PDB file of N, CA and C in Angstrom:
ATOM      1  N   MET A   1       0.838  -1.168   0.000  1.00  0.00           N
ATOM      2  CA  MET A   1       0.000   0.000   0.000  1.00  0.00           C
ATOM      3  C   MET A   1       0.887   1.236   0.000  1.00  0.00           C
ATOM      4  N   THR A   2       0.471   2.237  -0.732  1.00  0.00           N
ATOM      5  CA  THR A   2       1.223   3.486  -0.806  1.00  0.00           C
ATOM      6  C   THR A   2       0.697   4.477   0.229  1.00  0.00           C
ATOM      7  N   VAL A   3       1.476   5.512   0.471  1.00  0.00           N
ATOM      8  CA  VAL A   3       1.077   6.560   1.407  1.00  0.00           C
ATOM      9  C   VAL A   3      -0.207   7.221   0.927  1.00  0.00           C
ATOM     10  N   GLU A   4      -0.295   7.474  -0.362  1.00  0.00           N
ATOM     11  CA  GLU A   4      -1.467   8.155  -0.906  1.00  0.00           C
ATOM     12  C   GLU A   4      -2.746   7.346  -0.675  1.00  0.00           C
ATOM     13  N   ARG A   5      -2.666   6.054  -0.910  1.00  0.00           N
ATOM     14  CA  ARG A   5      -3.831   5.195  -0.658  1.00  0.00           C
ATOM     15  C   ARG A   5      -4.121   5.085   0.828  1.00  0.00           C
ATOM     16  N   GLY A   6      -3.079   5.057   1.639  1.00  0.00           N
ATOM     17  CA  GLY A   6      -3.249   4.995   3.085  1.00  0.00           C
ATOM     18  C   GLY A   6      -3.958   6.220   3.635  1.00  0.00           C
ATOM     19  N   VAL A   7      -3.619   7.397   3.110  1.00  0.00           N
ATOM     20  CA  VAL A   7      -4.273   8.631   3.558  1.00  0.00           C
ATOM     21  C   VAL A   7      -5.752   8.594   3.214  1.00  0.00           C
ATOM     22  N   ARG A   8      -6.085   8.165   2.008  1.00  0.00           N
ATOM     23  CA  ARG A   8      -7.503   8.090   1.618  1.00  0.00           C
ATOM     24  C   ARG A   8      -8.249   7.085   2.475  1.00  0.00           C
ATOM     25  N   MET A   9      -7.624   5.948   2.761  1.00  0.00           N
ATOM     26  CA  MET A   9      -8.271   4.937   3.585  1.00  0.00           C
ATOM     27  C   MET A   9      -8.468   5.446   5.014  1.00  0.00           C
ATOM     28  N   LEU A  10      -7.445   6.073   5.583  1.00  0.00           N
ATOM     29  CA  LEU A  10      -7.539   6.608   6.932  1.00  0.00           C
ATOM     30  C   LEU A  10      -8.632   7.674   7.016  1.00  0.00           C
ATOM     31  N   ALA A  11      -8.686   8.566   6.037  1.00  0.00           N
ATOM     32  CA  ALA A  11      -9.721   9.607   6.032  1.00  0.00           C
ATOM     33  C   ALA A  11     -11.109   8.989   5.954  1.00  0.00           C
ATOM     34  N   GLY A  12     -11.283   7.985   5.109  1.00  0.00           N
ATOM     35  CA  GLY A  12     -12.574   7.326   4.993  1.00  0.00           C
ATOM     36  C   GLY A  12     -13.007   6.645   6.274  1.00  0.00           C
ATOM     37  N   VAL A  13     -12.074   5.972   6.929  1.00  0.00           N
ATOM     38  CA  VAL A  13     -12.393   5.286   8.186  1.00  0.00           C
ATOM     39  C   VAL A  13     -12.768   6.300   9.267  1.00  0.00           C
ATOM     40  N   ILE A  14     -12.009   7.382   9.368  1.00  0.00           N
ATOM     41  CA  ILE A  14     -12.303   8.395  10.388  1.00  0.00           C
ATOM     42  C   ILE A  14     -13.649   9.055  10.114  1.00  0.00           C
ATOM     43  N   ILE A  15     -13.953   9.355   8.858  1.00  0.00           N
ATOM     44  CA  ILE A  15     -15.236   9.980   8.531  1.00  0.00           C
ATOM     45  C   ILE A  15     -16.394   9.048   8.856  1.00  0.00           C
ATOM     46  N   LEU A  16     -16.289   7.782   8.454  1.00  0.00           N
ATOM     47  CA  LEU A  16     -17.371   6.841   8.753  1.00  0.00           C
ATOM     48  C   LEU A  16     -17.542   6.628  10.246  1.00  0.00           C
ATOM     49  N   ALA A  17     -16.428   6.555  10.977  1.00  0.00           N
ATOM     50  CA  ALA A  17     -16.505   6.383  12.427  1.00  0.00           C
ATOM     51  C   ALA A  17     -17.136   7.605  13.086  1.00  0.00           C
ATOM     52  N   SER A  18     -16.750   8.801  12.650  1.00  0.00           N
ATOM     53  CA  SER A  18     -17.310  10.003  13.265  1.00  0.00           C
ATOM     54  C   SER A  18     -18.787  10.164  12.930  1.00  0.00           C
ATOM     55  N   LEU A  19     -19.215   9.735  11.748  1.00  0.00           N
ATOM     56  CA  LEU A  19     -20.639   9.776  11.412  1.00  0.00           C
ATOM     57  C   LEU A  19     -21.433   8.804  12.275  1.00  0.00           C
ATOM     58  N   ALA A  20     -20.887   7.624  12.503  1.00  0.00           N
ATOM     59  CA  ALA A  20     -21.559   6.654  13.375  1.00  0.00           C
ATOM     60  C   ALA A  20     -21.629   7.185  14.807  1.00  0.00           C
ATOM     61  N   LEU A  21     -20.541   7.781  15.281  1.00  0.00           N
ATOM     62  CA  LEU A  21     -20.534   8.349  16.624  1.00  0.00           C
ATOM     63  C   LEU A  21     -21.520   9.517  16.737  1.00  0.00           C
ATOM     64  N   ALA A  22     -21.652  10.295  15.669  1.00  0.00           N
ATOM     65  CA  ALA A  22     -22.609  11.405  15.684  1.00  0.00           C
ATOM     66  C   ALA A  22     -24.039  10.892  15.750  1.00  0.00           C
ATOM     67  N   MET A  23     -24.311   9.772  15.111  1.00  0.00           N
ATOM     68  CA  MET A  23     -25.663   9.218  15.135  1.00  0.00           C
ATOM     69  C   MET A  23     -26.007   8.617  16.490  1.00  0.00           C
ATOM     70  N   TYR A  24     -25.059   7.934  17.107  1.00  0.00           N
ATOM     71  CA  TYR A  24     -25.360   7.162  18.302  1.00  0.00           C
ATOM     72  C   TYR A  24     -24.880   7.774  19.618  1.00  0.00           C
ATOM     73  N   VAL A  25     -23.946   8.729  19.562  1.00  0.00           N
ATOM     74  CA  VAL A  25     -23.394   9.273  20.803  1.00  0.00           C
ATOM     75  C   VAL A  25     -23.727  10.758  20.941  1.00  0.00           C
ATOM     76  N   SER A  26     -23.146  11.571  20.073  1.00  0.00           N
ATOM     77  CA  SER A  26     -23.355  13.013  20.158  1.00  0.00           C
ATOM     78  C   SER A  26     -23.097  13.639  18.794  1.00  0.00           C
ATOM     79  N   LYS A  27     -23.900  14.623  18.447  1.00  0.00           N
ATOM     80  CA  LYS A  27     -23.718  15.310  17.165  1.00  0.00           C
ATOM     81  C   LYS A  27     -22.411  16.102  17.109  1.00  0.00           C
ATOM     82  N   ASN A  28     -21.794  16.314  18.253  1.00  0.00           N
ATOM     83  CA  ASN A  28     -20.513  17.032  18.277  1.00  0.00           C
ATOM     84  C   ASN A  28     -19.409  16.276  17.544  1.00  0.00           C
ATOM     85  N   TRP A  29     -19.582  14.975  17.321  1.00  0.00           N
ATOM     86  CA  TRP A  29     -18.596  14.200  16.558  1.00  0.00           C
ATOM     87  C   TRP A  29     -18.527  14.658  15.107  1.00  0.00           C
ATOM     88  N   LEU A  30     -19.510  15.412  14.642  1.00  0.00           N
ATOM     89  CA  LEU A  30     -19.464  15.933  13.270  1.00  0.00           C
ATOM     90  C   LEU A  30     -18.320  16.931  13.092  1.00  0.00           C
ATOM     91  N   TRP A  31     -17.847  17.504  14.201  1.00  0.00           N
ATOM     92  CA  TRP A  31     -16.679  18.385  14.106  1.00  0.00           C
ATOM     93  C   TRP A  31     -15.445  17.610  13.625  1.00  0.00           C
ATOM     94  N   LEU A  32     -15.337  16.358  13.987  1.00  0.00           N
ATOM     95  CA  LEU A  32     -14.226  15.536  13.503  1.00  0.00           C
ATOM     96  C   LEU A  32     -14.339  15.333  11.993  1.00  0.00           C
ATOM     97  N   THR A  33     -15.552  15.114  11.514  1.00  0.00           N
ATOM     98  CA  THR A  33     -15.767  14.990  10.067  1.00  0.00           C
ATOM     99  C   THR A  33     -15.351  16.271   9.355  1.00  0.00           C
ATOM    100  N   ALA A  34     -15.736  17.414   9.920  1.00  0.00           N
ATOM    101  CA  ALA A  34     -15.365  18.705   9.323  1.00  0.00           C
ATOM    102  C   ALA A  34     -13.847  18.889   9.335  1.00  0.00           C
ATOM    103  N   PHE A  35     -13.193  18.482  10.421  1.00  0.00           N
ATOM    104  CA  PHE A  35     -11.741  18.605  10.507  1.00  0.00           C
ATOM    105  C   PHE A  35     -11.051  17.771   9.424  1.00  0.00           C
ATOM    106  N   VAL A  36     -11.526  16.548   9.225  1.00  0.00           N
ATOM    107  CA  VAL A  36     -10.927  15.688   8.198  1.00  0.00           C
ATOM    108  C   VAL A  36     -11.136  16.305   6.816  1.00  0.00           C
ATOM    109  N   GLY A  37     -12.331  16.830   6.568  1.00  0.00           N
ATOM    110  CA  GLY A  37     -12.598  17.480   5.282  1.00  0.00           C
ATOM    111  C   GLY A  37     -11.703  18.684   5.049  1.00  0.00           C
ATOM    112  N   LEU A  38     -11.538  19.509   6.075  1.00  0.00           N
ATOM    113  CA  LEU A  38     -10.651  20.676   5.938  1.00  0.00           C
ATOM    114  C   LEU A  38      -9.197  20.256   5.756  1.00  0.00           C
ATOM    115  N   ASN A  39      -8.794  19.198   6.428  1.00  0.00           N
ATOM    116  CA  ASN A  39      -7.431  18.698   6.281  1.00  0.00           C
ATOM    117  C   ASN A  39      -7.201  18.177   4.859  1.00  0.00           C
ATOM    118  N   LEU A  40      -8.195  17.491   4.298  1.00  0.00           N
ATOM    119  CA  LEU A  40      -8.069  17.017   2.917  1.00  0.00           C
ATOM    120  C   LEU A  40      -7.985  18.191   1.937  1.00  0.00           C
ATOM    121  N   LEU A  41      -8.770  19.236   2.190  1.00  0.00           N
ATOM    122  CA  LEU A  41      -8.712  20.425   1.340  1.00  0.00           C
ATOM    123  C   LEU A  41      -7.345  21.087   1.428  1.00  0.00           C
ATOM    124  N   GLN A  42      -6.842  21.250   2.653  1.00  0.00           N
ATOM    125  CA  GLN A  42      -5.512  21.838   2.846  1.00  0.00           C
ATOM    126  C   GLN A  42      -4.443  20.988   2.168  1.00  0.00           C
ATOM    127  N   SER A  43      -4.582  19.681   2.277  1.00  0.00           N
ATOM    128  CA  SER A  43      -3.608  18.779   1.678  1.00  0.00           C
ATOM    129  C   SER A  43      -3.598  18.888   0.152  1.00  0.00           C
ATOM    130  N   SER A  44      -4.767  19.101  -0.428  1.00  0.00           N
ATOM    131  CA  SER A  44      -4.820  19.220  -1.889  1.00  0.00           C
ATOM    132  C   SER A  44      -4.136  20.499  -2.373  1.00  0.00           C
ATOM    133  N   LEU A  45      -4.112  21.521  -1.520  1.00  0.00           N
ATOM    134  CA  LEU A  45      -3.491  22.790  -1.912  1.00  0.00           C
ATOM    135  C   LEU A  45      -1.996  22.830  -1.631  1.00  0.00           C
ATOM    136  N   THR A  46      -1.552  22.144  -0.581  1.00  0.00           N
ATOM    137  CA  THR A  46      -0.148  22.233  -0.174  1.00  0.00           C
ATOM    138  C   THR A  46       0.649  20.960  -0.457  1.00  0.00           C
ATOM    139  N   ASN A  47      -0.033  19.871  -0.774  1.00  0.00           N
ATOM    140  CA  ASN A  47       0.591  18.569  -0.988  1.00  0.00           C
ATOM    141  C   ASN A  47       1.321  18.085   0.265  1.00  0.00           C
ATOM    142  N   TRP A  48       0.821  18.487   1.447  1.00  0.00           N
ATOM    143  CA  TRP A  48       1.363  18.016   2.715  1.00  0.00           C
ATOM    144  C   TRP A  48       0.213  17.732   3.670  1.00  0.00           C
ATOM    145  N   CYS A  49       0.328  16.632   4.377  1.00  0.00           N
ATOM    146  CA  CYS A  49      -0.709  16.228   5.318  1.00  0.00           C
ATOM    147  C   CYS A  49      -0.014  15.530   6.484  1.00  0.00           C
ATOM    148  N   PRO A  50      -0.443  15.813   7.719  1.00  0.00           N
ATOM    149  CA  PRO A  50       0.180  15.139   8.857  1.00  0.00           C
ATOM    150  C   PRO A  50       0.071  13.616   8.764  1.00  0.00           C
ATOM    151  N   ALA A  51      -1.014  13.111   8.206  1.00  0.00           N
ATOM    152  CA  ALA A  51      -1.178  11.661   8.068  1.00  0.00           C
ATOM    153  C   ALA A  51      -0.128  11.089   7.116  1.00  0.00           C
ATOM    154  N   MET A  52       0.245  11.843   6.089  1.00  0.00           N
ATOM    155  CA  MET A  52       1.284  11.373   5.168  1.00  0.00           C
ATOM    156  C   MET A  52       2.605  11.194   5.904  1.00  0.00           C
ATOM    157  N   THR A  53       2.919  12.142   6.765  1.00  0.00           N
ATOM    158  CA  THR A  53       4.152  12.058   7.542  1.00  0.00           C
ATOM    159  C   THR A  53       4.135  10.837   8.454  1.00  0.00           C
ATOM    160  N   MET A  54       3.003  10.618   9.133  1.00  0.00           N
ATOM    161  CA  MET A  54       2.884   9.457  10.022  1.00  0.00           C
ATOM    162  C   MET A  54       3.019   8.149   9.250  1.00  0.00           C
ATOM    163  N   LEU A  55       2.346   8.050   8.124  1.00  0.00           N
ATOM    164  CA  LEU A  55       2.381   6.809   7.352  1.00  0.00           C
ATOM    165  C   LEU A  55       3.774   6.547   6.781  1.00  0.00           C
ATOM    166  N   LYS A  56       4.484   7.605   6.412  1.00  0.00           N
ATOM    167  CA  LYS A  56       5.867   7.425   5.945  1.00  0.00           C
ATOM    168  C   LYS A  56       6.756   6.922   7.077  1.00  0.00           C
ATOM    169  N   LEU A  57       6.530   7.439   8.294  1.00  0.00           N
ATOM    170  CA  LEU A  57       7.308   6.969   9.442  1.00  0.00           C
ATOM    171  C   LEU A  57       7.000   5.510   9.765  1.00  0.00           C
ATOM    172  N   LEU A  58       5.787   5.066   9.433  1.00  0.00           N
ATOM    173  CA  LEU A  58       5.408   3.670   9.657  1.00  0.00           C
ATOM    174  C   LEU A  58       5.947   2.738   8.572  1.00  0.00           C
ATOM    175  N   GLY A  59       6.570   3.311   7.539  1.00  0.00           N
ATOM    176  CA  GLY A  59       7.216   2.487   6.535  1.00  0.00           C
ATOM    177  C   GLY A  59       6.521   2.406   5.186  1.00  0.00           C
ATOM    178  N   LEU A  60       5.412   3.110   5.007  1.00  0.00           N
ATOM    179  CA  LEU A  60       4.757   3.099   3.705  1.00  0.00           C
ATOM    180  C   LEU A  60       5.542   3.971   2.737  1.00  0.00           C
ATOM    181  N   ARG A  61       5.540   3.587   1.499  1.00  0.00           N
ATOM    182  CA  ARG A  61       6.248   4.354   0.479  1.00  0.00           C
ATOM    183  C   ARG A  61       5.243   5.117  -0.364  1.00  0.00           C
ATOM    184  N   SER A  62       5.715   6.201  -0.976  1.00  0.00           N
ATOM    185  CA  SER A  62       4.850   6.943  -1.869  1.00  0.00           C
ATOM    186  C   SER A  62       4.836   6.269  -3.233  1.00  0.00           C
ATOM    187  N   ALA A  63       3.871   6.632  -4.045  1.00  0.00           N
ATOM    188  CA  ALA A  63       3.751   6.038  -5.383  1.00  0.00           C
ATOM    189  C   ALA A  63       4.995   6.354  -6.222  1.00  0.00           C
ATOM    190  N   GLU A  64       5.602   7.510  -5.989  1.00  0.00           N
ATOM    191  CA  GLU A  64       6.806   7.879  -6.731  1.00  0.00           C
ATOM    192  C   GLU A  64       7.968   6.959  -6.405  1.00  0.00           C
ATOM    193  N   ASP A  65       8.076   6.551  -5.136  1.00  0.00           N
ATOM    194  CA  ASP A  65       9.182   5.674  -4.717  1.00  0.00           C
ATOM    195  C   ASP A  65       9.048   4.286  -5.299  1.00  0.00           C
ATOM    196  N   LYS A  66       7.819   3.843  -5.507  1.00  0.00           N
ATOM    197  CA  LYS A  66       7.590   2.486  -6.013  1.00  0.00           C
ATOM    198  C   LYS A  66       7.724   2.421  -7.543  1.00  0.00           C
ATOM    199  N   GLY A  67       7.758   3.574  -8.190  1.00  0.00           N
ATOM    200  CA  GLY A  67       7.812   3.557  -9.641  1.00  0.00           C
ATOM    201  C   GLY A  67       6.469   3.176 -10.248  1.00  0.00           C
ATOM    202  N   CYS A  68       5.437   3.492  -9.526  1.00  0.00           N
ATOM    203  CA  CYS A  68       4.079   3.140  -9.992  1.00  0.00           C
ATOM    204  C   CYS A  68       3.654   4.085 -11.103  1.00  0.00           C
ATOM    205  N   CYS A  69       2.736   3.631 -11.913  1.00  0.00           N
ATOM    206  CA  CYS A  69       2.238   4.467 -13.018  1.00  0.00           C
ATOM    207  C   CYS A  69       1.514   5.603 -12.417  1.00  0.00           C
TER     208      CYS A  69
END
């Protein structure tokens, strides 16, 4: 798995989890969904995301390193 795919997967899991928590626990969990959305927007503009840094430290490689199409 590449860092780019890992970031998308992590964002999807966090969004789905926060939506479930908002339905069953408290609507305040929607702030986490908003944070993930804003982070994805910021990442698209700057090409940097804290999750990318974490995943690289965990040993995932970027698509460029793998020579992927």
